[in-house]
C-alpha atoms as a PDB file:
ATOM      1  CA  ALA A   1      -0.290   0.082   0.217  1.00  0.00           C
ATOM      2  CA  ASP A   2       2.613   2.026   0.767  1.00  0.00           C
ATOM      3  CA  ARG A   3       4.040   1.708  -2.727  1.00  0.00           C
ATOM      4  CA  MET A   4       1.190   2.563  -4.516  1.00  0.00           C
ATOM      5  CA  LEU A   5       0.881   6.167  -2.693  1.00  0.00           C
ATOM      6  CA  ASP A   6       4.492   6.593  -3.597  1.00  0.00           C
ATOM      7  CA  MET A   7       3.372   6.114  -6.635  1.00  0.00           C
ATOM      8  CA  GLY A   8       0.842   8.198  -6.473  1.00  0.00           C
ATOM      9  CA  PHE A   9      -1.811   6.408  -6.669  1.00  0.00           C
ATOM     10  CA  GLU A  10      -4.516   7.459  -3.963  1.00  0.00           C
ATOM     11  CA  PRO A  11      -6.929   8.740  -6.066  1.00  0.00           C
ATOM     12  CA  GLN A  12      -7.356   4.749  -7.663  1.00  0.00           C
ATOM     13  CA  ILE A  13      -7.378   4.047  -4.209  1.00  0.00           C
ATOM     14  CA  ARG A  14      -9.932   6.217  -3.412  1.00  0.00           C
ATOM     15  CA  LYS A  15     -12.164   5.543  -6.282  1.00  0.00           C
ATOM     16  CA  ILE A  16     -12.136   1.574  -5.929  1.00  0.00           C
ATOM     17  CA  LEU A  17     -12.744   1.745  -2.011  1.00  0.00           C
ATOM     18  CA  ALA A  18     -16.021   3.999  -3.062  1.00  0.00           C
ATOM     19  CA  LYS A  19     -17.939   2.047  -4.916  1.00  0.00           C
ATOM     20  CA  ILE A  20     -17.343  -1.350  -2.520  1.00  0.00           C
ATOM     21  CA  THR A  21     -20.155  -0.464  -0.705  1.00  0.00           C
ATOM     22  CA  ASN A  22     -20.545  -4.554   0.888  1.00  0.00           C
ATOM     23  CA  PRO A  23     -20.938  -3.670   4.502  1.00  0.00           C
ATOM     24  CA  GLN A  24     -19.757  -7.077   5.195  1.00  0.00           C
ATOM     25  CA  ARG A  25     -15.951  -6.286   3.176  1.00  0.00           C
ATOM     26  CA  HIS A  26     -12.384  -7.360   4.262  1.00  0.00           C
ATOM     27  CA  THR A  27     -10.284  -4.868   3.473  1.00  0.00           C
ATOM     28  CA  MET A  28      -6.721  -6.083   4.500  1.00  0.00           C
ATOM     29  CA  PHE A  29      -3.780  -3.716   3.979  1.00  0.00           C
ATOM     30  CA  PHE A  30       0.306  -5.322   4.051  1.00  0.00           C
ATOM     31  CA  THR A  31       2.900  -3.046   3.944  1.00  0.00           C
ATOM     32  CA  ALA A  32       6.518  -3.811   4.959  1.00  0.00           C
ATOM     33  CA  THR A  33       6.831  -0.307   6.212  1.00  0.00           C
ATOM     34  CA  TRP A  34       3.583   1.618   8.257  1.00  0.00           C
ATOM     35  CA  PRO A  35       4.359   4.677   7.345  1.00  0.00           C
ATOM     36  CA  MET A  36       2.341   7.667   9.066  1.00  0.00           C
ATOM     37  CA  SER A  37       0.347   8.504   5.559  1.00  0.00           C
ATOM     38  CA  ILE A  38      -0.700   4.515   4.959  1.00  0.00           C
ATOM     39  CA  ARG A  39      -2.047   4.909   8.995  1.00  0.00           C
ATOM     40  CA  ARG A  40      -3.873   7.690   8.398  1.00  0.00           C
ATOM     41  CA  LEU A  41      -5.482   6.458   5.292  1.00  0.00           C
ATOM     42  CA  ALA A  42      -6.490   2.914   6.986  1.00  0.00           C
ATOM     43  CA  ALA A  43      -7.845   4.966   9.684  1.00  0.00           C
ATOM     44  CA  GLU A  44     -10.529   6.092   7.073  1.00  0.00           C
ATOM     45  CA  PHE A  45     -11.443   3.063   4.899  1.00  0.00           C
ATOM     46  CA  LEU A  46     -11.009  -0.095   8.308  1.00  0.00           C
ATOM     47  CA  ARG A  47     -13.843  -1.296  10.984  1.00  0.00           C
ATOM     48  CA  ASN A  48     -12.533  -2.668  13.591  1.00  0.00           C
ATOM     49  CA  PRO A  49      -9.150  -3.690  12.234  1.00  0.00           C
ATOM     50  CA  ILE A  50      -6.538  -6.384  13.654  1.00  0.00           C
ATOM     51  CA  GLN A  51      -3.147  -5.513  13.023  1.00  0.00           C
ATOM     52  CA  ILE A  52      -0.353  -8.061  13.288  1.00  0.00           C
ATOM     53  CA  GLN A  53       2.980  -6.336  13.615  1.00  0.00           C
ATOM     54  CA  ILE A  54       6.699  -7.811  13.327  1.00  0.00           C
ATOM     55  CA  GLY A  55       8.850  -5.069  14.597  1.00  0.00           C
ATOM     56  CA  ASN A  56       8.792  -1.644  14.955  1.00  0.00           C
ATOM     57  CA  ARG A  57       6.186   0.191  13.000  1.00  0.00           C
ATOM     58  CA  ASP A  58       8.500   3.589  13.714  1.00  0.00           C
ATOM     59  CA  GLU A  59      11.111   2.155  11.884  1.00  0.00           C
ATOM     60  CA  LEU A  60      10.313   2.900   8.121  1.00  0.00           C
ATOM     61  CA  LYS A  61      13.014  -0.970   7.020  1.00  0.00           C
ATOM     62  CA  GLY A  62      11.927  -3.807   6.711  1.00  0.00           C
ATOM     63  CA  ASN A  63      11.667  -5.929   9.331  1.00  0.00           C
ATOM     64  CA  GLN A  64      16.066  -8.194   9.042  1.00  0.00           C
ATOM     65  CA  ASP A  65      14.305 -11.464  10.669  1.00  0.00           C
ATOM     66  CA  ILE A  66      11.497 -12.487   8.872  1.00  0.00           C
ATOM     67  CA  VAL A  67      12.354 -15.125   5.778  1.00  0.00           C
ATOM     68  CA  GLN A  68      10.837 -14.388   2.762  1.00  0.00           C
ATOM     69  CA  ILE A  69      10.728 -18.508   0.421  1.00  0.00           C
ATOM     70  CA  ILE A  70       9.342 -18.127  -3.070  1.00  0.00           C
ATOM     71  CA  SER A  71       7.692 -21.000  -4.022  1.00  0.00           C
ATOM     72  CA  PRO A  72       6.983 -21.746  -7.837  1.00  0.00           C
ATOM     73  CA  CYS A  73       3.497 -22.672  -8.396  1.00  0.00           C
ATOM     74  CA  ASN A  74       1.463 -23.366 -11.048  1.00  0.00           C
ATOM     75  CA  GLN A  75      -3.004 -23.741 -10.650  1.00  0.00           C
ATOM     76  CA  TYR A  76      -2.385 -27.058 -10.319  1.00  0.00           C
ATOM     77  CA  ASN A  77       0.048 -27.993  -7.241  1.00  0.00           C
ATOM     78  CA  LYS A  78      -0.271 -24.731  -5.210  1.00  0.00           C
ATOM     79  CA  ASN A  79      -2.724 -26.655  -3.016  1.00  0.00           C
ATOM     80  CA  GLN A  80      -0.575 -28.719  -2.262  1.00  0.00           C
ATOM     81  CA  ILE A  81       2.837 -26.566  -2.349  1.00  0.00           C
ATOM     82  CA  LEU A  82       1.104 -24.218   0.078  1.00  0.00           C
ATOM     83  CA  LEU A  83       0.504 -27.447   3.113  1.00  0.00           C
ATOM     84  CA  GLN A  84       4.075 -27.931   2.703  1.00  0.00           C
ATOM     85  CA  VAL A  85       4.823 -24.394   3.825  1.00  0.00           C
END
């Protein structure tokens, strides 16, 4: 989300969210950093949010303790690969 804002996509994000009228909607933000601009946007659009945070949110850098694993898959074996993770 922060990268999208950096690239100037906030009007498009707002337009998309304005068209979603379902009160049961689930909105998720994924961000490696949590700058104030994203916090404001999240506070505006999320209802009763749950935040999962690893590390210090005030440091604008990714957590060095997180390991990312890329597992190539196709539509036929993605469930099997996901179960292996």
